[in-house]
Amino acid sequence: MEQRIRRTAMVGMINLANLGIEDYMNEIFIEYSNGIYNFEQIKIEMDYIRGKSKKRGKVNLKKFIDGLVFYSNSY
């Protein structure tokens, strides 16, 4: 179960990093890159996608789940 959540969170991070590459000032990117993920890890993933780094971003599952709970309660 935990591995499924981790994989899903990683796919979300990749999609968010791609959104950040397209439009760095996108309000969805700004909000979720800090709320659900660690922005430094998003930046590392963006560098990986661009080919500037061989290291991928890592997902902090605790922050991811806390962020999901926060956003689900606020909407």
C-alpha atoms as a PDB file:
ATOM      1  CA  MET A   1       0.000   0.000   0.000  1.00  0.00           C
ATOM      2  CA  GLU A   2       2.761   2.438   0.931  1.00  0.00           C
ATOM      3  CA  GLN A   3       4.601   1.741  -2.329  1.00  0.00           C
ATOM      4  CA  ARG A   4       1.462   2.555  -4.338  1.00  0.00           C
ATOM      5  CA  ILE A   5       1.127   5.892  -2.573  1.00  0.00           C
ATOM      6  CA  ARG A   6       4.811   6.627  -3.139  1.00  0.00           C
ATOM      7  CA  ARG A   7       4.542   5.832  -6.866  1.00  0.00           C
ATOM      8  CA  THR A   8       1.428   7.963  -7.243  1.00  0.00           C
ATOM      9  CA  ALA A   9       3.065  10.841  -5.389  1.00  0.00           C
ATOM     10  CA  MET A  10       6.117  10.515  -7.649  1.00  0.00           C
ATOM     11  CA  VAL A  11       3.948  10.713 -10.775  1.00  0.00           C
ATOM     12  CA  GLY A  12       2.346  13.845  -9.328  1.00  0.00           C
ATOM     13  CA  MET A  13       5.784  15.323  -8.649  1.00  0.00           C
ATOM     14  CA  ILE A  14       6.881  14.639 -12.234  1.00  0.00           C
ATOM     15  CA  ASN A  15       3.726  16.277 -13.605  1.00  0.00           C
ATOM     16  CA  LEU A  16       4.169  19.280 -11.329  1.00  0.00           C
ATOM     17  CA  ALA A  17       7.840  19.605 -12.316  1.00  0.00           C
ATOM     18  CA  ASN A  18       6.832  19.566 -15.991  1.00  0.00           C
ATOM     19  CA  LEU A  19       4.269  22.276 -15.269  1.00  0.00           C
ATOM     20  CA  GLY A  20       6.995  24.311 -13.562  1.00  0.00           C
ATOM     21  CA  ILE A  21       9.257  23.955 -16.586  1.00  0.00           C
ATOM     22  CA  GLU A  22       6.460  25.208 -18.866  1.00  0.00           C
ATOM     23  CA  ASP A  23       5.299  28.089 -16.655  1.00  0.00           C
ATOM     24  CA  TYR A  24       7.330  28.819 -13.529  1.00  0.00           C
ATOM     25  CA  MET A  25       4.827  31.426 -12.270  1.00  0.00           C
ATOM     26  CA  ASN A  26       1.737  29.226 -12.676  1.00  0.00           C
ATOM     27  CA  GLU A  27      -0.336  29.612  -9.517  1.00  0.00           C
ATOM     28  CA  ILE A  28      -1.076  25.869  -9.329  1.00  0.00           C
ATOM     29  CA  PHE A  29       2.656  25.139  -9.532  1.00  0.00           C
ATOM     30  CA  ILE A  30       3.484  27.704  -6.853  1.00  0.00           C
ATOM     31  CA  GLU A  31       0.775  26.507  -4.469  1.00  0.00           C
ATOM     32  CA  TYR A  32       1.294  22.756  -4.720  1.00  0.00           C
ATOM     33  CA  SER A  33       5.082  22.730  -5.056  1.00  0.00           C
ATOM     34  CA  ASN A  34       5.245  24.125  -1.535  1.00  0.00           C
ATOM     35  CA  GLY A  35       2.046  22.665  -0.077  1.00  0.00           C
ATOM     36  CA  ILE A  36       2.267  19.011  -1.050  1.00  0.00           C
ATOM     37  CA  TYR A  37       5.906  18.593  -2.034  1.00  0.00           C
ATOM     38  CA  ASN A  38       9.208  20.043  -0.918  1.00  0.00           C
ATOM     39  CA  PHE A  39      10.106  22.788  -3.425  1.00  0.00           C
ATOM     40  CA  GLU A  40      13.794  21.846  -3.387  1.00  0.00           C
ATOM     41  CA  GLN A  41      12.857  18.337  -4.501  1.00  0.00           C
ATOM     42  CA  ILE A  42      10.642  19.736  -7.272  1.00  0.00           C
ATOM     43  CA  LYS A  43      13.607  21.818  -8.441  1.00  0.00           C
ATOM     44  CA  ILE A  44      15.859  18.720  -8.456  1.00  0.00           C
ATOM     45  CA  GLU A  45      13.229  16.861 -10.507  1.00  0.00           C
ATOM     46  CA  MET A  46      13.006  19.796 -12.940  1.00  0.00           C
ATOM     47  CA  ASP A  47      16.781  19.665 -13.403  1.00  0.00           C
ATOM     48  CA  TYR A  48      16.560  15.902 -14.002  1.00  0.00           C
ATOM     49  CA  ILE A  49      13.884  16.361 -16.665  1.00  0.00           C
ATOM     50  CA  ARG A  50      15.956  19.056 -18.373  1.00  0.00           C
ATOM     51  CA  GLY A  51      18.983  16.737 -18.341  1.00  0.00           C
ATOM     52  CA  LYS A  52      21.066  18.949 -16.023  1.00  0.00           C
ATOM     53  CA  SER A  53      21.230  16.335 -13.271  1.00  0.00           C
ATOM     54  CA  LYS A  54      21.277  12.562 -12.933  1.00  0.00           C
ATOM     55  CA  LYS A  55      19.585  12.755  -9.539  1.00  0.00           C
ATOM     56  CA  ARG A  56      15.776  12.624  -9.242  1.00  0.00           C
ATOM     57  CA  GLY A  57      13.630  14.423  -6.713  1.00  0.00           C
ATOM     58  CA  LYS A  58      12.380  12.471  -3.707  1.00  0.00           C
ATOM     59  CA  VAL A  59       8.894  12.443  -2.253  1.00  0.00           C
ATOM     60  CA  ASN A  60       8.377  13.029   1.459  1.00  0.00           C
ATOM     61  CA  LEU A  61       5.280  10.899   2.095  1.00  0.00           C
ATOM     62  CA  LYS A  62       4.482  12.555   5.422  1.00  0.00           C
ATOM     63  CA  LYS A  63       4.427  16.028   3.850  1.00  0.00           C
ATOM     64  CA  PHE A  64       2.498  14.686   0.848  1.00  0.00           C
ATOM     65  CA  ILE A  65      -0.259  13.148   2.994  1.00  0.00           C
ATOM     66  CA  ASP A  66      -0.371  16.155   5.346  1.00  0.00           C
ATOM     67  CA  GLY A  67      -0.737  18.422   2.312  1.00  0.00           C
ATOM     68  CA  LEU A  68      -3.538  16.313   0.862  1.00  0.00           C
ATOM     69  CA  VAL A  69      -5.393  16.381   4.184  1.00  0.00           C
ATOM     70  CA  PHE A  70      -4.922  20.155   4.435  1.00  0.00           C
ATOM     71  CA  TYR A  71      -6.218  20.803   0.918  1.00  0.00           C
ATOM     72  CA  SER A  72      -9.133  18.383   1.305  1.00  0.00           C
ATOM     73  CA  ASN A  73     -10.225  20.158   4.504  1.00  0.00           C
ATOM     74  CA  SER A  74      -9.881  23.643   3.033  1.00  0.00           C
ATOM     75  CA  TYR A  75     -12.079  23.021  -0.038  1.00  0.00           C
END
